[in-house]
Amino acid sequence: MKNIGGNALVIREVNINLVRKELKEQGQATKRLIAENTGLSIVTVGTVLQYLVEQQEVREGDMISSSGGRPAQQYIYNDEHSLGLILFPYEEDSGIQIRRTVVTLSGRRLQDVSIPVTRIDLSSFETLIDEAMQQYSSIQAIGFGLPGAEIDGKMLVSDYIALRDISVTEHFRNRYGKPVVLENDVNAAVIGYCNRLQETRESSVVYMYFPDRFGPGAGIYINGRLHKGKRGFAGEVANIPLGIPWGDPSLITSFERITEAIAKLTAAVNSVLNPDLVVLYGSFLTDHHLRSVVDQCSLFLPDSTVPDIRMTEDFTADYLQGMIVQTLRTLEPGLQLTKSET
């Protein structure tokens, strides 16, 4: 978000953003209520509302009675004015599927379907995006959830061979002429987890995901922001040289070996980041695993430094929520005045 000097055009945009934000939060409101909550004059609010109605971002609602005065016009925020499209692949016993979700500016889902595909490559995404664009002409941003990391503009780390060394973000930005977000699956999950549970902006959270067939990955959330590191490689914890054979099928089937491995990884991460909270997810993890990990971390770390360690029960829900947050963020206006300029 940029803090920009107070010329007339900027002030107008700031006023629009204030009214827009208030209406999005309230859903609907009168001119007077918006003025009271934003500190703007009724005349200014009226001018902004007229503009937003003309842009079809706001609709006029019913007239409501007011105490001792004329009926007041309700204004309703049109959260379908711009839409976000989110896609992420996942694997099931039946094969590979891509989940396609279309959301409004308020995060309301207009479509949420899973579509089987034969492989993950650019063309498989293009087919699904083209279909969605035909169904929803108001799509203004596209978000991709993908395991791996795009480094220096290319997918240098990916579970999907056809995407490696490809500039995925640039390709789709050029093809569709819209903002494109590409987020690592576990990075999205930590954002979604913190958003769902309303973790405070001062909290630091490390979310560690343990797939059945691949090495673990971590999402790092510090002071209300995702931490990716200098080249987007932060969180690739499977590369920490602990001598653990991640991806070996026999590892997760052995209770003793997998809990020791997770405890060692948790202790290593804690020794560097010392987060408030470590969140674990793996389809094979149980409360029994969690208790053992906590106990072993107490052996590896001084008592006062052991973080709160929890499990999350729904990685997919965290993942999708994080992708919704990240994709819709690209549609948020970024102008505001500093206090000294208002």
Protein backbone atom coordinates (compact mmCIF):
# COMPACT_ATOMS: atom_id res chain seq x y z
CA MET A 1 0.00 0.00 0.00
CA LYS A 2 1.44 3.38 -1.02
CA ASN A 3 1.18 6.58 1.01
CA ILE A 4 0.89 9.38 -1.52
CA GLY A 5 0.72 13.17 -1.22
CA GLY A 6 -2.70 14.85 -1.08
CA ASN A 7 -3.45 16.27 -4.52
CA ALA A 8 -7.08 16.43 -5.67
CA LEU A 9 -7.05 13.24 -7.74
CA VAL A 10 -5.45 11.21 -4.97
CA ILE A 11 -7.85 12.59 -2.36
CA ARG A 12 -10.77 11.62 -4.61
CA GLU A 13 -9.40 8.07 -4.94
CA VAL A 14 -8.83 7.83 -1.20
CA ASN A 15 -12.41 8.93 -0.55
CA ILE A 16 -13.69 6.31 -3.00
CA ASN A 17 -11.64 3.64 -1.23
CA LEU A 18 -12.97 4.69 2.19
CA VAL A 19 -16.58 4.46 1.03
CA ARG A 20 -15.89 1.21 -0.82
CA LYS A 21 -14.26 -0.36 2.25
CA GLU A 22 -17.09 0.70 4.55
CA LEU A 23 -19.77 -0.67 2.22
CA LYS A 24 -17.89 -3.94 1.72
CA GLU A 25 -17.70 -4.41 5.49
CA GLN A 26 -21.32 -3.43 6.13
CA GLY A 27 -22.85 -5.02 3.04
CA GLN A 28 -25.35 -2.19 2.88
CA ALA A 29 -25.65 1.21 4.54
CA THR A 30 -27.15 4.67 4.22
CA LYS A 31 -25.26 7.77 3.16
CA ARG A 32 -25.39 9.16 6.70
CA LEU A 33 -24.05 5.96 8.29
CA ILE A 34 -21.16 5.82 5.81
CA ALA A 35 -20.33 9.47 6.56
CA GLU A 36 -20.35 8.85 10.31
CA ASN A 37 -18.11 5.79 10.06
CA THR A 38 -15.60 7.24 7.59
CA GLY A 39 -15.44 10.83 8.84
CA LEU A 40 -16.30 12.14 5.36
CA SER A 41 -18.98 14.74 4.77
CA ILE A 42 -22.41 13.63 3.57
CA VAL A 43 -21.87 15.65 0.38
CA THR A 44 -18.59 13.84 -0.34
CA VAL A 45 -20.13 10.44 0.40
CA GLY A 46 -23.04 11.26 -1.90
CA THR A 47 -20.67 12.16 -4.74
CA VAL A 48 -18.68 8.95 -4.27
CA LEU A 49 -21.81 6.80 -4.12
CA GLN A 50 -23.11 8.34 -7.34
CA TYR A 51 -19.84 7.40 -9.05
CA LEU A 52 -19.85 3.84 -7.66
CA VAL A 53 -23.48 3.35 -8.74
CA GLU A 54 -22.55 4.48 -12.26
CA GLN A 55 -19.68 1.95 -12.23
CA GLN A 56 -22.15 -0.76 -11.10
CA GLU A 57 -19.97 -1.43 -8.07
CA VAL A 58 -22.79 -0.26 -5.80
CA ARG A 59 -26.55 -0.72 -6.19
CA GLU A 60 -29.35 1.38 -4.77
CA GLY A 61 -31.45 -0.60 -2.31
CA ASP A 62 -34.74 0.09 -0.55
CA MET A 63 -35.71 3.33 1.12
CA ILE A 64 -35.79 2.96 4.91
CA SER A 65 -37.47 5.14 7.48
CA SER A 66 -35.30 7.38 9.63
CA SER A 67 -36.14 8.87 13.00
CA GLY A 68 -37.83 12.23 12.49
CA GLY A 69 -36.73 12.71 8.89
CA ARG A 70 -37.27 11.68 5.31
CA PRO A 71 -36.76 8.03 4.30
CA ALA A 72 -33.09 7.28 3.61
CA GLN A 73 -31.70 5.46 0.59
CA GLN A 74 -29.88 2.21 1.29
CA TYR A 75 -26.80 1.46 -0.79
CA ILE A 76 -25.66 -2.14 -1.36
CA TYR A 77 -22.15 -3.21 -2.27
CA ASN A 78 -22.09 -5.38 -5.43
CA ASP A 79 -19.48 -7.96 -4.52
CA GLU A 80 -19.84 -9.53 -7.98
CA HIS A 81 -18.46 -6.38 -9.61
CA SER A 82 -15.07 -8.13 -9.91
CA LEU A 83 -14.39 -11.84 -9.42
CA GLY A 84 -11.36 -13.93 -8.63
CA LEU A 85 -10.57 -17.29 -10.23
CA ILE A 86 -8.53 -19.81 -8.23
CA LEU A 87 -7.10 -23.08 -9.51
CA PHE A 88 -5.02 -25.71 -7.80
CA PRO A 89 -4.25 -29.34 -8.67
CA TYR A 90 -4.40 -32.25 -6.28
CA GLU A 91 -4.16 -36.01 -6.48
CA GLU A 92 -6.66 -38.63 -5.40
CA ASP A 93 -6.81 -42.39 -5.87
CA SER A 94 -8.86 -41.77 -8.99
CA GLY A 95 -6.15 -39.55 -10.51
CA ILE A 96 -5.24 -35.88 -10.89
CA GLN A 97 -7.87 -33.18 -10.48
CA ILE A 98 -7.84 -29.40 -10.65
CA ARG A 99 -10.08 -27.55 -8.24
CA ARG A 100 -11.59 -24.46 -9.85
CA THR A 101 -13.18 -21.83 -7.63
CA VAL A 102 -14.75 -18.52 -8.60
CA VAL A 103 -15.21 -16.04 -5.75
CA THR A 104 -16.70 -12.60 -5.29
CA LEU A 105 -14.89 -9.69 -3.70
CA SER A 106 -16.33 -10.72 -0.34
CA GLY A 107 -15.00 -14.27 -0.76
CA ARG A 108 -18.41 -15.75 -1.56
CA ARG A 109 -18.05 -18.79 -3.84
CA LEU A 110 -20.00 -18.71 -7.09
CA GLN A 111 -18.40 -21.91 -8.37
CA ASP A 112 -16.38 -24.60 -6.64
CA VAL A 113 -15.78 -27.72 -8.74
CA SER A 114 -13.11 -30.37 -9.20
CA ILE A 115 -12.30 -31.39 -12.75
CA PRO A 116 -10.26 -34.49 -13.66
CA VAL A 117 -7.27 -33.94 -15.97
CA THR A 118 -4.76 -36.30 -17.52
CA ARG A 119 -1.73 -34.17 -16.66
CA ILE A 120 -0.73 -30.83 -15.17
CA ASP A 121 0.63 -28.43 -17.76
CA LEU A 122 -0.11 -24.98 -19.16
CA SER A 123 -2.76 -26.19 -21.59
CA SER A 124 -4.75 -28.02 -18.91
CA PHE A 125 -5.03 -24.76 -16.97
CA GLU A 126 -5.82 -22.76 -20.11
CA THR A 127 -8.79 -24.97 -20.95
CA LEU A 128 -10.30 -24.50 -17.48
CA ILE A 129 -9.60 -20.76 -17.42
CA ASP A 130 -11.16 -20.23 -20.84
CA GLU A 131 -14.30 -22.08 -19.71
CA ALA A 132 -14.52 -19.99 -16.53
CA MET A 133 -14.03 -16.74 -18.45
CA GLN A 134 -16.94 -17.63 -20.72
CA GLN A 135 -19.16 -18.36 -17.71
CA TYR A 136 -18.05 -15.36 -15.62
CA SER A 137 -17.06 -12.32 -17.65
CA SER A 138 -16.28 -10.32 -14.47
CA ILE A 139 -13.20 -12.40 -13.58
CA GLN A 140 -10.43 -9.86 -13.01
CA ALA A 141 -7.70 -11.86 -11.25
CA ILE A 142 -6.35 -15.42 -11.42
CA GLY A 143 -4.68 -17.34 -8.60
CA PHE A 144 -2.71 -20.57 -8.95
CA GLY A 145 -1.88 -22.83 -6.03
CA LEU A 146 1.08 -25.05 -6.89
CA PRO A 147 3.51 -27.13 -4.87
CA GLY A 148 7.03 -25.89 -5.42
CA ALA A 149 8.56 -22.44 -5.88
CA GLU A 150 8.81 -19.90 -8.67
CA ILE A 151 12.30 -18.44 -8.38
CA ASP A 152 13.46 -15.53 -10.53
CA GLY A 153 10.26 -15.84 -12.53
CA LYS A 154 10.50 -19.57 -13.30
CA MET A 155 9.18 -22.72 -11.64
CA LEU A 156 12.54 -24.14 -10.57
CA VAL A 157 10.96 -26.35 -7.92
CA SER A 158 7.78 -28.23 -8.86
CA ASP A 159 6.16 -31.62 -8.37
CA TYR A 160 4.89 -31.34 -11.96
CA ILE A 161 7.62 -31.91 -14.55
CA ALA A 162 5.77 -30.07 -17.35
CA LEU A 163 5.88 -26.82 -15.33
CA ARG A 164 9.57 -26.87 -14.41
CA ASP A 165 11.65 -24.02 -15.85
CA ILE A 166 8.43 -22.37 -17.10
CA SER A 167 7.50 -18.74 -16.36
CA VAL A 168 3.99 -19.68 -15.25
CA THR A 169 2.95 -16.30 -13.84
CA GLU A 170 4.24 -14.35 -16.84
CA HIS A 171 2.64 -16.77 -19.30
CA PHE A 172 -0.85 -16.39 -17.88
CA ARG A 173 -0.50 -12.67 -17.23
CA ASN A 174 0.37 -12.13 -20.88
CA ARG A 175 -2.32 -14.51 -22.15
CA TYR A 176 -5.20 -13.04 -20.17
CA GLY A 177 -4.04 -9.50 -19.42
CA LYS A 178 -5.06 -9.76 -15.76
CA PRO A 179 -3.25 -9.88 -12.42
CA VAL A 180 -1.92 -13.38 -11.70
CA VAL A 181 -0.92 -14.80 -8.32
CA LEU A 182 1.08 -18.00 -8.01
CA GLU A 183 1.41 -19.32 -4.49
CA ASN A 184 3.07 -22.37 -3.02
CA ASP A 185 0.44 -24.70 -1.55
CA VAL A 186 1.74 -24.54 2.02
CA ASN A 187 2.33 -20.78 1.83
CA ALA A 188 -1.32 -20.40 0.89
CA ALA A 189 -2.30 -22.79 3.69
CA VAL A 190 -0.57 -20.75 6.42
CA ILE A 191 -2.29 -17.59 5.20
CA GLY A 192 -5.63 -19.39 5.14
CA TYR A 193 -5.12 -20.90 8.58
CA CYS A 194 -4.24 -17.56 10.15
CA ASN A 195 -7.11 -15.85 8.33
CA ARG A 196 -9.66 -18.46 9.40
CA LEU A 197 -8.60 -18.43 13.05
CA GLN A 198 -7.91 -14.69 13.14
CA GLU A 199 -4.38 -15.06 14.43
CA THR A 200 -3.12 -11.63 15.47
CA ARG A 201 -0.81 -9.68 13.22
CA GLU A 202 1.86 -9.85 15.92
CA SER A 203 1.92 -13.66 15.86
CA SER A 204 4.54 -15.76 14.10
CA VAL A 205 3.31 -19.08 12.72
CA VAL A 206 5.09 -21.90 10.90
CA TYR A 207 2.77 -24.31 9.11
CA MET A 208 4.42 -27.62 8.14
CA TYR A 209 2.79 -29.91 5.59
CA PHE A 210 3.84 -33.56 5.34
CA PRO A 211 2.65 -35.12 2.05
CA ASP A 212 2.42 -38.90 1.78
CA ARG A 213 4.87 -39.21 -1.13
CA PHE A 214 7.02 -36.07 -1.08
CA GLY A 215 9.19 -34.19 1.37
CA PRO A 216 7.64 -31.62 3.73
CA GLY A 217 7.20 -27.94 3.05
CA ALA A 218 6.57 -25.04 5.40
CA GLY A 219 4.72 -21.74 5.22
CA ILE A 220 6.17 -18.97 7.39
CA TYR A 221 3.93 -16.16 8.63
CA ILE A 222 5.54 -13.36 10.62
CA ASN A 223 3.84 -10.18 11.90
CA GLY A 224 0.87 -10.58 9.58
CA ARG A 225 2.97 -11.22 6.47
CA LEU A 226 4.09 -14.26 4.53
CA HIS A 227 7.87 -14.66 4.62
CA LYS A 228 9.30 -16.07 1.38
CA GLY A 229 12.96 -15.15 1.71
CA LYS A 230 15.20 -13.43 -0.83
CA ARG A 231 14.38 -15.73 -3.76
CA GLY A 232 11.16 -17.35 -2.61
CA PHE A 233 12.91 -20.44 -1.23
CA ALA A 234 12.03 -19.97 2.45
CA GLY A 235 10.00 -22.91 3.72
CA GLU A 236 11.67 -25.62 1.63
CA VAL A 237 12.42 -27.45 4.88
CA ALA A 238 12.94 -30.84 3.24
CA ASN A 239 16.36 -29.48 2.24
CA ILE A 240 17.53 -29.05 5.85
CA PRO A 241 20.31 -31.67 6.11
CA LEU A 242 18.94 -33.74 8.98
CA GLY A 243 19.57 -37.10 7.28
CA ILE A 244 15.84 -37.88 7.15
CA PRO A 245 14.67 -39.95 4.12
CA TRP A 246 11.60 -37.84 3.33
CA GLY A 247 9.45 -39.53 0.69
CA ASP A 248 10.44 -43.03 1.79
CA PRO A 249 7.07 -44.87 2.16
CA SER A 250 8.37 -46.80 5.16
CA LEU A 251 8.99 -43.57 7.08
CA ILE A 252 5.37 -42.60 7.66
CA THR A 253 4.33 -46.16 8.44
CA SER A 254 6.71 -46.25 11.41
CA PHE A 255 5.26 -44.30 14.33
CA GLU A 256 8.63 -43.99 16.08
CA ARG A 257 10.58 -42.89 13.01
CA ILE A 258 8.08 -40.33 11.72
CA THR A 259 7.46 -38.70 15.10
CA GLU A 260 11.20 -38.43 15.72
CA ALA A 261 11.68 -36.94 12.24
CA ILE A 262 8.91 -34.36 12.72
CA ALA A 263 10.21 -33.48 16.19
CA LYS A 264 13.75 -32.96 14.85
CA LEU A 265 12.44 -30.79 12.01
CA THR A 266 10.26 -28.79 14.41
CA ALA A 267 13.21 -28.25 16.74
CA ALA A 268 15.42 -27.14 13.84
CA VAL A 269 12.83 -24.67 12.57
CA ASN A 270 12.17 -23.40 16.08
CA SER A 271 15.88 -22.86 16.68
CA VAL A 272 15.99 -20.49 13.70
CA LEU A 273 12.58 -18.78 13.81
CA ASN A 274 11.30 -19.39 17.37
CA PRO A 275 7.62 -18.97 16.32
CA ASP A 276 4.63 -18.62 18.62
CA LEU A 277 2.92 -21.52 16.91
CA VAL A 278 3.84 -24.54 14.79
CA VAL A 279 0.96 -26.10 12.86
CA LEU A 280 1.31 -29.65 11.53
CA TYR A 281 -0.67 -31.39 8.82
CA GLY A 282 -0.34 -34.85 7.32
CA SER A 283 -3.11 -37.22 6.27
CA PHE A 284 -1.50 -39.89 8.48
CA LEU A 285 -1.07 -37.74 11.60
CA THR A 286 -3.16 -38.44 14.72
CA ASP A 287 -3.39 -36.96 18.19
CA HIS A 288 -1.08 -39.75 19.30
CA HIS A 289 1.57 -38.53 16.83
CA LEU A 290 1.13 -34.96 18.07
CA ARG A 291 1.65 -35.88 21.72
CA SER A 292 4.82 -37.78 20.86
CA VAL A 293 6.19 -34.88 18.77
CA VAL A 294 5.54 -32.42 21.62
CA ASP A 295 7.23 -34.72 24.13
CA GLN A 296 10.30 -35.19 21.94
CA CYS A 297 10.58 -31.46 21.21
CA SER A 298 10.81 -30.96 24.97
CA LEU A 299 13.89 -33.18 24.90
CA PHE A 300 15.50 -31.35 21.98
CA LEU A 301 14.76 -27.80 23.19
CA PRO A 302 14.89 -25.84 26.46
CA ASP A 303 11.44 -25.89 28.06
CA SER A 304 10.84 -22.16 27.76
CA THR A 305 11.52 -22.20 24.00
CA VAL A 306 9.16 -25.01 22.93
CA PRO A 307 6.47 -23.43 20.73
CA ASP A 308 2.78 -24.17 20.87
CA ILE A 309 2.40 -27.17 18.52
CA ARG A 310 -0.99 -28.02 17.03
CA MET A 311 -2.50 -30.01 14.20
CA THR A 312 -4.92 -28.70 11.61
CA GLU A 313 -7.60 -31.07 10.42
CA ASP A 314 -8.29 -29.61 6.98
CA PHE A 315 -5.34 -28.67 4.82
CA THR A 316 -7.57 -28.16 1.77
CA ALA A 317 -9.75 -25.62 3.59
CA ASP A 318 -6.66 -23.72 4.74
CA TYR A 319 -5.17 -23.89 1.24
CA LEU A 320 -8.29 -22.63 -0.53
CA GLN A 321 -8.88 -19.84 1.98
CA GLY A 322 -5.30 -18.67 1.58
CA MET A 323 -5.61 -18.64 -2.21
CA ILE A 324 -8.84 -16.65 -1.96
CA VAL A 325 -7.14 -14.08 0.30
CA GLN A 326 -4.08 -13.77 -1.95
CA THR A 327 -6.06 -13.56 -5.20
CA LEU A 328 -8.58 -11.01 -3.96
CA ARG A 329 -5.75 -8.93 -2.51
CA THR A 330 -4.67 -8.11 -6.07
CA LEU A 331 -8.04 -6.42 -6.60
CA GLU A 332 -7.78 -4.25 -3.49
CA PRO A 333 -7.03 -0.56 -4.16
CA GLY A 334 -3.76 0.55 -2.61
CA LEU A 335 -4.04 4.30 -2.08
CA GLN A 336 -4.21 6.01 1.29
CA LEU A 337 -3.13 9.30 2.83
CA THR A 338 -0.80 9.48 5.79
CA LYS A 339 -2.23 11.11 8.90
CA SER A 340 -0.16 14.22 8.38
CA GLU A 341 -1.68 14.67 4.91
CA THR A 342 -5.40 14.28 5.78
